[in-house]
Amino acid sequence: MDKPASTRQLKVARELQKDLAEIIRSKGMAAFGGAMVTVSEVRISPDLSVAKVFVSIFPSEKQESVMTILNENLRAYRGELGRKVAKQLRIVPELVLHLDTTLDYAAHIDELLKQ
């Protein structure tokens, strides 16, 4: 059982989410084959060294290709993030991308309810 995140973890995670969303948004939809990429959540480890980044991708048919693009450019994103948070954090956390499937799950439940 995980213990709840500290206030510092929550604040850092929120700041990372905002900055990563800005970095990805600045690339434009064309960089991701016309898909819209949203940073839906960031969870950070207690020592602030690893950040789990949950991204939502629309349309869902492009999820696999967009995740490949994101993972290939992860070092560049971490570098840009480092420049943005250099004053606040001593160490820029390692980024681990995860696909947020809650939208797909909600759509699936919606379809089941319509039947």
PDB file of N, CA and C in Angstrom:
ATOM      1  N   MET A   1       0.843  -1.190   0.000  1.00  0.00           N
ATOM      2  CA  MET A   1       0.000   0.000   0.000  1.00  0.00           C
ATOM      3  C   MET A   1       0.882   1.245   0.000  1.00  0.00           C
ATOM      4  N   ASP A   2       0.647   2.131  -0.966  1.00  0.00           N
ATOM      5  CA  ASP A   2       1.418   3.364  -1.052  1.00  0.00           C
ATOM      6  C   ASP A   2       0.931   4.356  -0.007  1.00  0.00           C
ATOM      7  N   LYS A   3       1.900   5.078   0.565  1.00  0.00           N
ATOM      8  CA  LYS A   3       1.475   6.128   1.480  1.00  0.00           C
ATOM      9  C   LYS A   3       1.105   7.358   0.668  1.00  0.00           C
ATOM     10  N   PRO A   4       0.229   8.210   1.187  1.00  0.00           N
ATOM     11  CA  PRO A   4      -0.214   9.368   0.417  1.00  0.00           C
ATOM     12  C   PRO A   4       0.944  10.319   0.103  1.00  0.00           C
ATOM     13  N   ALA A   5       0.824  11.022  -1.011  1.00  0.00           N
ATOM     14  CA  ALA A   5       1.867  11.949  -1.431  1.00  0.00           C
ATOM     15  C   ALA A   5       1.927  13.145  -0.489  1.00  0.00           C
ATOM     16  N   SER A   6       3.137  13.622  -0.250  1.00  0.00           N
ATOM     17  CA  SER A   6       3.313  14.791   0.606  1.00  0.00           C
ATOM     18  C   SER A   6       2.894  16.048  -0.151  1.00  0.00           C
ATOM     19  N   THR A   7       2.737  17.130   0.589  1.00  0.00           N
ATOM     20  CA  THR A   7       2.378  18.403  -0.030  1.00  0.00           C
ATOM     21  C   THR A   7       3.444  18.819  -1.039  1.00  0.00           C
ATOM     22  N   ARG A   8       4.706  18.610  -0.712  1.00  0.00           N
ATOM     23  CA  ARG A   8       5.801  18.966  -1.632  1.00  0.00           C
ATOM     24  C   ARG A   8       5.696  18.142  -2.921  1.00  0.00           C
ATOM     25  N   GLN A   9       5.450  16.838  -2.784  1.00  0.00           N
ATOM     26  CA  GLN A   9       5.300  15.989  -3.966  1.00  0.00           C
ATOM     27  C   GLN A   9       4.165  16.494  -4.852  1.00  0.00           C
ATOM     28  N   LEU A  10       3.053  16.834  -4.246  1.00  0.00           N
ATOM     29  CA  LEU A  10       1.891  17.293  -5.009  1.00  0.00           C
ATOM     30  C   LEU A  10       2.196  18.610  -5.730  1.00  0.00           C
ATOM     31  N   LYS A  11       2.883  19.521  -5.044  1.00  0.00           N
ATOM     32  CA  LYS A  11       3.222  20.811  -5.657  1.00  0.00           C
ATOM     33  C   LYS A  11       4.201  20.637  -6.811  1.00  0.00           C
ATOM     34  N   VAL A  12       5.217  19.807  -6.609  1.00  0.00           N
ATOM     35  CA  VAL A  12       6.209  19.566  -7.662  1.00  0.00           C
ATOM     36  C   VAL A  12       5.545  18.868  -8.846  1.00  0.00           C
ATOM     37  N   ALA A  13       4.701  17.879  -8.570  1.00  0.00           N
ATOM     38  CA  ALA A  13       4.009  17.149  -9.635  1.00  0.00           C
ATOM     39  C   ALA A  13       3.135  18.101 -10.457  1.00  0.00           C
ATOM     40  N   ARG A  14       2.447  18.992  -9.784  1.00  0.00           N
ATOM     41  CA  ARG A  14       1.577  19.946 -10.479  1.00  0.00           C
ATOM     42  C   ARG A  14       2.400  20.877 -11.369  1.00  0.00           C
ATOM     43  N   GLU A  15       3.523  21.355 -10.858  1.00  0.00           N
ATOM     44  CA  GLU A  15       4.396  22.238 -11.638  1.00  0.00           C
ATOM     45  C   GLU A  15       4.971  21.502 -12.850  1.00  0.00           C
ATOM     46  N   LEU A  16       5.397  20.245 -12.651  1.00  0.00           N
ATOM     47  CA  LEU A  16       5.925  19.446 -13.756  1.00  0.00           C
ATOM     48  C   LEU A  16       4.848  19.215 -14.815  1.00  0.00           C
ATOM     49  N   GLN A  17       3.627  18.934 -14.371  1.00  0.00           N
ATOM     50  CA  GLN A  17       2.526  18.710 -15.315  1.00  0.00           C
ATOM     51  C   GLN A  17       2.299  19.955 -16.167  1.00  0.00           C
ATOM     52  N   LYS A  18       2.279  21.112 -15.524  1.00  0.00           N
ATOM     53  CA  LYS A  18       2.056  22.368 -16.239  1.00  0.00           C
ATOM     54  C   LYS A  18       3.182  22.630 -17.242  1.00  0.00           C
ATOM     55  N   ASP A  19       4.429  22.451 -16.812  1.00  0.00           N
ATOM     56  CA  ASP A  19       5.577  22.721 -17.689  1.00  0.00           C
ATOM     57  C   ASP A  19       5.667  21.718 -18.840  1.00  0.00           C
ATOM     58  N   LEU A  20       5.431  20.437 -18.555  1.00  0.00           N
ATOM     59  CA  LEU A  20       5.466  19.426 -19.623  1.00  0.00           C
ATOM     60  C   LEU A  20       4.350  19.652 -20.641  1.00  0.00           C
ATOM     61  N   ALA A  21       3.183  20.028 -20.155  1.00  0.00           N
ATOM     62  CA  ALA A  21       2.069  20.315 -21.067  1.00  0.00           C
ATOM     63  C   ALA A  21       2.443  21.464 -21.990  1.00  0.00           C
ATOM     64  N   GLU A  22       3.101  22.481 -21.450  1.00  0.00           N
ATOM     65  CA  GLU A  22       3.527  23.626 -22.254  1.00  0.00           C
ATOM     66  C   GLU A  22       4.573  23.212 -23.288  1.00  0.00           C
ATOM     67  N   ILE A  23       5.520  22.371 -22.886  1.00  0.00           N
ATOM     68  CA  ILE A  23       6.571  21.897 -23.797  1.00  0.00           C
ATOM     69  C   ILE A  23       5.947  21.104 -24.949  1.00  0.00           C
ATOM     70  N   ILE A  24       5.044  20.186 -24.625  1.00  0.00           N
ATOM     71  CA  ILE A  24       4.413  19.353 -25.659  1.00  0.00           C
ATOM     72  C   ILE A  24       3.504  20.190 -26.548  1.00  0.00           C
ATOM     73  N   ARG A  25       2.780  21.131 -25.950  1.00  0.00           N
ATOM     74  CA  ARG A  25       1.894  22.001 -26.728  1.00  0.00           C
ATOM     75  C   ARG A  25       2.701  22.846 -27.706  1.00  0.00           C
ATOM     76  N   SER A  26       3.882  23.279 -27.291  1.00  0.00           N
ATOM     77  CA  SER A  26       4.707  24.132 -28.156  1.00  0.00           C
ATOM     78  C   SER A  26       5.200  23.396 -29.404  1.00  0.00           C
ATOM     79  N   LYS A  27       5.242  22.066 -29.347  1.00  0.00           N
ATOM     80  CA  LYS A  27       5.661  21.273 -30.513  1.00  0.00           C
ATOM     81  C   LYS A  27       4.587  21.286 -31.603  1.00  0.00           C
ATOM     82  N   GLY A  28       3.355  21.462 -31.205  1.00  0.00           N
ATOM     83  CA  GLY A  28       2.252  21.491 -32.170  1.00  0.00           C
ATOM     84  C   GLY A  28       1.752  20.092 -32.495  1.00  0.00           C
ATOM     85  N   MET A  29       0.524  20.036 -32.988  1.00  0.00           N
ATOM     86  CA  MET A  29      -0.096  18.747 -33.313  1.00  0.00           C
ATOM     87  C   MET A  29       0.602  18.071 -34.487  1.00  0.00           C
ATOM     88  N   ALA A  30       1.219  18.842 -35.364  1.00  0.00           N
ATOM     89  CA  ALA A  30       1.888  18.272 -36.539  1.00  0.00           C
ATOM     90  C   ALA A  30       3.040  17.354 -36.129  1.00  0.00           C
ATOM     91  N   ALA A  31       3.693  17.664 -35.022  1.00  0.00           N
ATOM     92  CA  ALA A  31       4.806  16.837 -34.549  1.00  0.00           C
ATOM     93  C   ALA A  31       4.338  15.443 -34.142  1.00  0.00           C
ATOM     94  N   PHE A  32       3.055  15.309 -33.861  1.00  0.00           N
ATOM     95  CA  PHE A  32       2.495  14.028 -33.421  1.00  0.00           C
ATOM     96  C   PHE A  32       1.506  13.467 -34.442  1.00  0.00           C
ATOM     97  N   GLY A  33       1.704  13.778 -35.682  1.00  0.00           N
ATOM     98  CA  GLY A  33       0.852  13.247 -36.743  1.00  0.00           C
ATOM     99  C   GLY A  33      -0.584  13.710 -36.661  1.00  0.00           C
ATOM    100  N   GLY A  34      -0.809  14.915 -36.151  1.00  0.00           N
ATOM    101  CA  GLY A  34      -2.161  15.450 -36.061  1.00  0.00           C
ATOM    102  C   GLY A  34      -2.916  15.032 -34.818  1.00  0.00           C
ATOM    103  N   ALA A  35      -2.273  14.288 -33.938  1.00  0.00           N
ATOM    104  CA  ALA A  35      -2.938  13.852 -32.706  1.00  0.00           C
ATOM    105  C   ALA A  35      -2.813  14.930 -31.633  1.00  0.00           C
ATOM    106  N   MET A  36      -3.797  14.984 -30.762  1.00  0.00           N
ATOM    107  CA  MET A  36      -3.761  15.914 -29.642  1.00  0.00           C
ATOM    108  C   MET A  36      -3.225  15.171 -28.419  1.00  0.00           C
ATOM    109  N   VAL A  37      -2.185  15.716 -27.813  1.00  0.00           N
ATOM    110  CA  VAL A  37      -1.543  15.082 -26.658  1.00  0.00           C
ATOM    111  C   VAL A  37      -1.782  15.956 -25.432  1.00  0.00           C
ATOM    112  N   THR A  38      -2.283  15.340 -24.371  1.00  0.00           N
ATOM    113  CA  THR A  38      -2.561  16.049 -23.129  1.00  0.00           C
ATOM    114  C   THR A  38      -1.838  15.363 -21.988  1.00  0.00           C
ATOM    115  N   VAL A  39      -1.161  16.139 -21.154  1.00  0.00           N
ATOM    116  CA  VAL A  39      -0.545  15.594 -19.942  1.00  0.00           C
ATOM    117  C   VAL A  39      -1.639  15.607 -18.882  1.00  0.00           C
ATOM    118  N   SER A  40      -2.188  14.419 -18.587  1.00  0.00           N
ATOM    119  CA  SER A  40      -3.346  14.360 -17.697  1.00  0.00           C
ATOM    120  C   SER A  40      -2.971  14.284 -16.225  1.00  0.00           C
ATOM    121  N   GLU A  41      -1.796  13.724 -15.923  1.00  0.00           N
ATOM    122  CA  GLU A  41      -1.401  13.594 -14.518  1.00  0.00           C
ATOM    123  C   GLU A  41       0.096  13.346 -14.439  1.00  0.00           C
ATOM    124  N   VAL A  42       0.687  13.807 -13.338  1.00  0.00           N
ATOM    125  CA  VAL A  42       2.079  13.500 -13.032  1.00  0.00           C
ATOM    126  C   VAL A  42       2.127  13.031 -11.584  1.00  0.00           C
ATOM    127  N   ARG A  43       2.761  11.902 -11.373  1.00  0.00           N
ATOM    128  CA  ARG A  43       2.987  11.391 -10.006  1.00  0.00           C
ATOM    129  C   ARG A  43       4.487  11.317  -9.799  1.00  0.00           C
ATOM    130  N   ILE A  44       4.957  11.863  -8.694  1.00  0.00           N
ATOM    131  CA  ILE A  44       6.393  11.920  -8.469  1.00  0.00           C
ATOM    132  C   ILE A  44       6.764  11.090  -7.247  1.00  0.00           C
ATOM    133  N   SER A  45       7.938  10.453  -7.304  1.00  0.00           N
ATOM    134  CA  SER A  45       8.405   9.612  -6.214  1.00  0.00           C
ATOM    135  C   SER A  45       8.725  10.474  -4.991  1.00  0.00           C
ATOM    136  N   PRO A  46       8.734   9.877  -3.800  1.00  0.00           N
ATOM    137  CA  PRO A  46       9.010  10.647  -2.578  1.00  0.00           C
ATOM    138  C   PRO A  46      10.351  11.390  -2.602  1.00  0.00           C
ATOM    139  N   ASP A  47      11.358  10.837  -3.284  1.00  0.00           N
ATOM    140  CA  ASP A  47      12.653  11.518  -3.346  1.00  0.00           C
ATOM    141  C   ASP A  47      12.749  12.480  -4.534  1.00  0.00           C
ATOM    142  N   LEU A  48      11.650  12.665  -5.261  1.00  0.00           N
ATOM    143  CA  LEU A  48      11.537  13.587  -6.395  1.00  0.00           C
ATOM    144  C   LEU A  48      12.481  13.249  -7.548  1.00  0.00           C
ATOM    145  N   SER A  49      12.881  11.984  -7.656  1.00  0.00           N
ATOM    146  CA  SER A  49      13.829  11.611  -8.708  1.00  0.00           C
ATOM    147  C   SER A  49      13.166  10.972  -9.926  1.00  0.00           C
ATOM    148  N   VAL A  50      11.945  10.462  -9.767  1.00  0.00           N
ATOM    149  CA  VAL A  50      11.242   9.814 -10.879  1.00  0.00           C
ATOM    150  C   VAL A  50       9.823  10.382 -10.962  1.00  0.00           C
ATOM    151  N   ALA A  51       9.452  10.784 -12.168  1.00  0.00           N
ATOM    152  CA  ALA A  51       8.099  11.300 -12.393  1.00  0.00           C
ATOM    153  C   ALA A  51       7.382  10.397 -13.392  1.00  0.00           C
ATOM    154  N   LYS A  52       6.248   9.855 -12.975  1.00  0.00           N
ATOM    155  CA  LYS A  52       5.396   9.099 -13.891  1.00  0.00           C
ATOM    156  C   LYS A  52       4.475  10.104 -14.561  1.00  0.00           C
ATOM    157  N   VAL A  53       4.586  10.194 -15.877  1.00  0.00           N
ATOM    158  CA  VAL A  53       3.816  11.162 -16.647  1.00  0.00           C
ATOM    159  C   VAL A  53       2.734  10.409 -17.417  1.00  0.00           C
ATOM    160  N   PHE A  54       1.476  10.721 -17.129  1.00  0.00           N
ATOM    161  CA  PHE A  54       0.359  10.084 -17.806  1.00  0.00           C
ATOM    162  C   PHE A  54      -0.125  11.011 -18.912  1.00  0.00           C
ATOM    163  N   VAL A  55      -0.120  10.495 -20.148  1.00  0.00           N
ATOM    164  CA  VAL A  55      -0.551  11.297 -21.294  1.00  0.00           C
ATOM    165  C   VAL A  55      -1.796  10.681 -21.917  1.00  0.00           C
ATOM    166  N   SER A  56      -2.683  11.555 -22.330  1.00  0.00           N
ATOM    167  CA  SER A  56      -3.901  11.155 -23.017  1.00  0.00           C
ATOM    168  C   SER A  56      -3.750  11.577 -24.473  1.00  0.00           C
ATOM    169  N   ILE A  57      -4.076  10.685 -25.394  1.00  0.00           N
ATOM    170  CA  ILE A  57      -3.881  10.938 -26.818  1.00  0.00           C
ATOM    171  C   ILE A  57      -5.212  10.785 -27.544  1.00  0.00           C
ATOM    172  N   PHE A  58      -5.536  11.808 -28.346  1.00  0.00           N
ATOM    173  CA  PHE A  58      -6.771  11.782 -29.137  1.00  0.00           C
ATOM    174  C   PHE A  58      -6.418  12.077 -30.578  1.00  0.00           C
ATOM    175  N   PRO A  59      -6.851  11.333 -31.546  1.00  0.00           N
ATOM    176  CA  PRO A  59      -7.706  10.144 -31.465  1.00  0.00           C
ATOM    177  C   PRO A  59      -6.927   8.927 -30.982  1.00  0.00           C
ATOM    178  N   SER A  60      -7.619   8.018 -30.374  1.00  0.00           N
ATOM    179  CA  SER A  60      -6.975   6.857 -29.751  1.00  0.00           C
ATOM    180  C   SER A  60      -6.334   5.914 -30.762  1.00  0.00           C
ATOM    181  N   GLU A  61      -6.707   6.019 -32.041  1.00  0.00           N
ATOM    182  CA  GLU A  61      -6.083   5.153 -33.061  1.00  0.00           C
ATOM    183  C   GLU A  61      -4.596   5.476 -33.221  1.00  0.00           C
ATOM    184  N   LYS A  62      -4.201   6.687 -32.860  1.00  0.00           N
ATOM    185  CA  LYS A  62      -2.809   7.112 -33.045  1.00  0.00           C
ATOM    186  C   LYS A  62      -1.959   6.940 -31.787  1.00  0.00           C
ATOM    187  N   GLN A  63      -2.501   6.296 -30.754  1.00  0.00           N
ATOM    188  CA  GLN A  63      -1.799   6.189 -29.477  1.00  0.00           C
ATOM    189  C   GLN A  63      -0.423   5.562 -29.604  1.00  0.00           C
ATOM    190  N   GLU A  64      -0.335   4.456 -30.325  1.00  0.00           N
ATOM    191  CA  GLU A  64       0.922   3.728 -30.422  1.00  0.00           C
ATOM    192  C   GLU A  64       2.005   4.572 -31.106  1.00  0.00           C
ATOM    193  N   SER A  65       1.669   5.185 -32.228  1.00  0.00           N
ATOM    194  CA  SER A  65       2.662   5.976 -32.957  1.00  0.00           C
ATOM    195  C   SER A  65       3.076   7.217 -32.166  1.00  0.00           C
ATOM    196  N   VAL A  66       2.129   7.856 -31.491  1.00  0.00           N
ATOM    197  CA  VAL A  66       2.449   9.055 -30.713  1.00  0.00           C
ATOM    198  C   VAL A  66       3.306   8.694 -29.495  1.00  0.00           C
ATOM    199  N   MET A  67       3.002   7.574 -28.841  1.00  0.00           N
ATOM    200  CA  MET A  67       3.831   7.147 -27.699  1.00  0.00           C
ATOM    201  C   MET A  67       5.262   6.880 -28.152  1.00  0.00           C
ATOM    202  N   THR A  68       5.436   6.321 -29.354  1.00  0.00           N
ATOM    203  CA  THR A  68       6.769   6.088 -29.903  1.00  0.00           C
ATOM    204  C   THR A  68       7.498   7.411 -30.092  1.00  0.00           C
ATOM    205  N   ILE A  69       6.815   8.392 -30.669  1.00  0.00           N
ATOM    206  CA  ILE A  69       7.410   9.722 -30.883  1.00  0.00           C
ATOM    207  C   ILE A  69       7.788  10.349 -29.542  1.00  0.00           C
ATOM    208  N   LEU A  70       6.881  10.276 -28.570  1.00  0.00           N
ATOM    209  CA  LEU A  70       7.150  10.859 -27.255  1.00  0.00           C
ATOM    210  C   LEU A  70       8.361  10.199 -26.592  1.00  0.00           C
ATOM    211  N   ASN A  71       8.413   8.880 -26.640  1.00  0.00           N
ATOM    212  CA  ASN A  71       9.535   8.171 -26.007  1.00  0.00           C
ATOM    213  C   ASN A  71      10.861   8.465 -26.699  1.00  0.00           C
ATOM    214  N   GLU A  72      10.841   8.643 -28.033  1.00  0.00           N
ATOM    215  CA  GLU A  72      12.068   8.960 -28.760  1.00  0.00           C
ATOM    216  C   GLU A  72      12.601  10.340 -28.391  1.00  0.00           C
ATOM    217  N   ASN A  73      11.712  11.253 -28.033  1.00  0.00           N
ATOM    218  CA  ASN A  73      12.105  12.628 -27.716  1.00  0.00           C
ATOM    219  C   ASN A  73      12.138  12.916 -26.214  1.00  0.00           C
ATOM    220  N   LEU A  74      12.089  11.882 -25.395  1.00  0.00           N
ATOM    221  CA  LEU A  74      11.995  12.049 -23.951  1.00  0.00           C
ATOM    222  C   LEU A  74      13.185  12.813 -23.373  1.00  0.00           C
ATOM    223  N   ARG A  75      14.387  12.536 -23.869  1.00  0.00           N
ATOM    224  CA  ARG A  75      15.582  13.236 -23.361  1.00  0.00           C
ATOM    225  C   ARG A  75      15.498  14.731 -23.651  1.00  0.00           C
ATOM    226  N   ALA A  76      15.030  15.084 -24.840  1.00  0.00           N
ATOM    227  CA  ALA A  76      14.894  16.504 -25.204  1.00  0.00           C
ATOM    228  C   ALA A  76      13.861  17.191 -24.305  1.00  0.00           C
ATOM    229  N   TYR A  77      12.739  16.505 -24.040  1.00  0.00           N
ATOM    230  CA  TYR A  77      11.709  17.075 -23.162  1.00  0.00           C
ATOM    231  C   TYR A  77      12.256  17.277 -21.757  1.00  0.00           C
ATOM    232  N   ARG A  78      13.039  16.300 -21.281  1.00  0.00           N
ATOM    233  CA  ARG A  78      13.623  16.411 -19.941  1.00  0.00           C
ATOM    234  C   ARG A  78      14.601  17.589 -19.893  1.00  0.00           C
ATOM    235  N   GLY A  79      15.347  17.791 -20.966  1.00  0.00           N
ATOM    236  CA  GLY A  79      16.273  18.920 -21.035  1.00  0.00           C
ATOM    237  C   GLY A  79      15.543  20.251 -20.976  1.00  0.00           C
ATOM    238  N   GLU A  80      14.468  20.375 -21.752  1.00  0.00           N
ATOM    239  CA  GLU A  80      13.660  21.602 -21.726  1.00  0.00           C
ATOM    240  C   GLU A  80      13.039  21.803 -20.356  1.00  0.00           C
ATOM    241  N   LEU A  81      12.563  20.718 -19.762  1.00  0.00           N
ATOM    242  CA  LEU A  81      11.977  20.785 -18.428  1.00  0.00           C
ATOM    243  C   LEU A  81      13.028  21.258 -17.429  1.00  0.00           C
ATOM    244  N   GLY A  82      14.250  20.766 -17.578  1.00  0.00           N
ATOM    245  CA  GLY A  82      15.341  21.173 -16.694  1.00  0.00           C
ATOM    246  C   GLY A  82      15.590  22.668 -16.753  1.00  0.00           C
ATOM    247  N   ARG A  83      15.506  23.244 -17.939  1.00  0.00           N
ATOM    248  CA  ARG A  83      15.695  24.694 -18.068  1.00  0.00           C
ATOM    249  C   ARG A  83      14.553  25.458 -17.395  1.00  0.00           C
ATOM    250  N   LYS A  84      13.348  24.889 -17.444  1.00  0.00           N
ATOM    251  CA  LYS A  84      12.198  25.576 -16.839  1.00  0.00           C
ATOM    252  C   LYS A  84      12.199  25.498 -15.307  1.00  0.00           C
ATOM    253  N   VAL A  85      12.626  24.357 -14.756  1.00  0.00           N
ATOM    254  CA  VAL A  85      12.534  24.166 -13.300  1.00  0.00           C
ATOM    255  C   VAL A  85      13.892  24.251 -12.599  1.00  0.00           C
ATOM    256  N   ALA A  86      14.895  24.742 -13.291  1.00  0.00           N
ATOM    257  CA  ALA A  86      16.252  24.785 -12.730  1.00  0.00           C
ATOM    258  C   ALA A  86      16.309  25.556 -11.415  1.00  0.00           C
ATOM    259  N   LYS A  87      15.517  26.585 -11.286  1.00  0.00           N
ATOM    260  CA  LYS A  87      15.541  27.406 -10.064  1.00  0.00           C
ATOM    261  C   LYS A  87      14.806  26.737  -8.895  1.00  0.00           C
ATOM    262  N   GLN A  88      13.849  25.854  -9.221  1.00  0.00           N
ATOM    263  CA  GLN A  88      13.035  25.251  -8.160  1.00  0.00           C
ATOM    264  C   GLN A  88      13.561  23.894  -7.686  1.00  0.00           C
ATOM    265  N   LEU A  89      14.123  23.107  -8.606  1.00  0.00           N
ATOM    266  CA  LEU A  89      14.525  21.743  -8.253  1.00  0.00           C
ATOM    267  C   LEU A  89      16.021  21.540  -8.438  1.00  0.00           C
ATOM    268  N   ARG A  90      16.614  20.813  -7.528  1.00  0.00           N
ATOM    269  CA  ARG A  90      18.034  20.503  -7.635  1.00  0.00           C
ATOM    270  C   ARG A  90      18.282  19.468  -8.724  1.00  0.00           C
ATOM    271  N   ILE A  91      17.419  18.445  -8.760  1.00  0.00           N
ATOM    272  CA  ILE A  91      17.549  17.369  -9.747  1.00  0.00           C
ATOM    273  C   ILE A  91      16.304  17.376 -10.618  1.00  0.00           C
ATOM    274  N   VAL A  92      16.502  17.282 -11.927  1.00  0.00           N
ATOM    275  CA  VAL A  92      15.347  17.141 -12.831  1.00  0.00           C
ATOM    276  C   VAL A  92      14.958  15.669 -12.807  1.00  0.00           C
ATOM    277  N   PRO A  93      13.724  15.358 -12.460  1.00  0.00           N
ATOM    278  CA  PRO A  93      13.333  13.953 -12.339  1.00  0.00           C
ATOM    279  C   PRO A  93      13.401  13.198 -13.664  1.00  0.00           C
ATOM    280  N   GLU A  94      13.672  11.906 -13.560  1.00  0.00           N
ATOM    281  CA  GLU A  94      13.627  11.014 -14.723  1.00  0.00           C
ATOM    282  C   GLU A  94      12.155  10.879 -15.104  1.00  0.00           C
ATOM    283  N   LEU A  95      11.851  10.995 -16.394  1.00  0.00           N
ATOM    284  CA  LEU A  95      10.476  10.930 -16.855  1.00  0.00           C
ATOM    285  C   LEU A  95      10.151   9.529 -17.363  1.00  0.00           C
ATOM    286  N   VAL A  96       9.025   9.001 -16.906  1.00  0.00           N
ATOM    287  CA  VAL A  96       8.539   7.702 -17.361  1.00  0.00           C
ATOM    288  C   VAL A  96       7.130   7.926 -17.890  1.00  0.00           C
ATOM    289  N   LEU A  97       6.941   7.668 -19.182  1.00  0.00           N
ATOM    290  CA  LEU A  97       5.638   7.910 -19.805  1.00  0.00           C
ATOM    291  C   LEU A  97       4.702   6.717 -19.647  1.00  0.00           C
ATOM    292  N   HIS A  98       3.451   7.039 -19.364  1.00  0.00           N
ATOM    293  CA  HIS A  98       2.395   6.030 -19.289  1.00  0.00           C
ATOM    294  C   HIS A  98       1.203   6.561 -20.073  1.00  0.00           C
ATOM    295  N   LEU A  99       0.502   5.668 -20.724  1.00  0.00           N
ATOM    296  CA  LEU A  99      -0.682   6.054 -21.481  1.00  0.00           C
ATOM    297  C   LEU A  99      -1.880   6.106 -20.541  1.00  0.00           C
ATOM    298  N   ASP A 100      -2.568   7.229 -20.534  1.00  0.00           N
ATOM    299  CA  ASP A 100      -3.772   7.394 -19.718  1.00  0.00           C
ATOM    300  C   ASP A 100      -4.962   6.926 -20.546  1.00  0.00           C
ATOM    301  N   THR A 101      -5.571   5.842 -20.144  1.00  0.00           N
ATOM    302  CA  THR A 101      -6.662   5.249 -20.927  1.00  0.00           C
ATOM    303  C   THR A 101      -8.041   5.531 -20.332  1.00  0.00           C
ATOM    304  N   THR A 102      -8.143   6.495 -19.436  1.00  0.00           N
ATOM    305  CA  THR A 102      -9.436   6.748 -18.805  1.00  0.00           C
ATOM    306  C   THR A 102     -10.484   7.233 -19.804  1.00  0.00           C
ATOM    307  N   LEU A 103     -10.068   8.003 -20.836  1.00  0.00           N
ATOM    308  CA  LEU A 103     -11.041   8.455 -21.842  1.00  0.00           C
ATOM    309  C   LEU A 103     -11.586   7.279 -22.640  1.00  0.00           C
ATOM    310  N   ASP A 104     -10.703   6.348 -23.017  1.00  0.00           N
ATOM    311  CA  ASP A 104     -11.145   5.165 -23.747  1.00  0.00           C
ATOM    312  C   ASP A 104     -12.081   4.316 -22.886  1.00  0.00           C
ATOM    313  N   TYR A 105     -11.727   4.195 -21.610  1.00  0.00           N
ATOM    314  CA  TYR A 105     -12.542   3.419 -20.678  1.00  0.00           C
ATOM    315  C   TYR A 105     -13.924   4.060 -20.536  1.00  0.00           C
ATOM    316  N   ALA A 106     -13.967   5.384 -20.414  1.00  0.00           N
ATOM    317  CA  ALA A 106     -15.250   6.089 -20.285  1.00  0.00           C
ATOM    318  C   ALA A 106     -16.091   5.911 -21.555  1.00  0.00           C
ATOM    319  N   ALA A 107     -15.459   5.973 -22.717  1.00  0.00           N
ATOM    320  CA  ALA A 107     -16.180   5.784 -23.977  1.00  0.00           C
ATOM    321  C   ALA A 107     -16.730   4.360 -24.067  1.00  0.00           C
ATOM    322  N   HIS A 108     -15.928   3.392 -23.610  1.00  0.00           N
ATOM    323  CA  HIS A 108     -16.366   1.998 -23.617  1.00  0.00           C
ATOM    324  C   HIS A 108     -17.583   1.809 -22.697  1.00  0.00           C
ATOM    325  N   ILE A 109     -17.541   2.367 -21.518  1.00  0.00           N
ATOM    326  CA  ILE A 109     -18.661   2.278 -20.579  1.00  0.00           C
ATOM    327  C   ILE A 109     -19.895   2.952 -21.182  1.00  0.00           C
ATOM    328  N   ASP A 110     -19.692   4.095 -21.831  1.00  0.00           N
ATOM    329  CA  ASP A 110     -20.785   4.815 -22.469  1.00  0.00           C
ATOM    330  C   ASP A 110     -21.447   3.948 -23.539  1.00  0.00           C
ATOM    331  N   GLU A 111     -20.633   3.272 -24.352  1.00  0.00           N
ATOM    332  CA  GLU A 111     -21.164   2.370 -25.390  1.00  0.00           C
ATOM    333  C   GLU A 111     -21.965   1.231 -24.774  1.00  0.00           C
ATOM    334  N   LEU A 112     -21.442   0.677 -23.680  1.00  0.00           N
ATOM    335  CA  LEU A 112     -22.152  -0.435 -23.020  1.00  0.00           C
ATOM    336  C   LEU A 112     -23.500   0.035 -22.462  1.00  0.00           C
ATOM    337  N   LEU A 113     -23.537   1.246 -21.937  1.00  0.00           N
ATOM    338  CA  LEU A 113     -24.783   1.766 -21.373  1.00  0.00           C
ATOM    339  C   LEU A 113     -25.819   2.065 -22.450  1.00  0.00           C
ATOM    340  N   LYS A 114     -25.361   2.381 -23.663  1.00  0.00           N
ATOM    341  CA  LYS A 114     -26.295   2.680 -24.766  1.00  0.00           C
ATOM    342  C   LYS A 114     -26.956   1.428 -25.326  1.00  0.00           C
ATOM    343  N   GLN A 115     -26.383   0.267 -25.058  1.00  0.00           N
ATOM    344  CA  GLN A 115     -26.924  -0.987 -25.604  1.00  0.00           C
ATOM    345  C   GLN A 115     -28.175  -1.427 -24.878  1.00  0.00           C
TER     346      GLN A 115
END
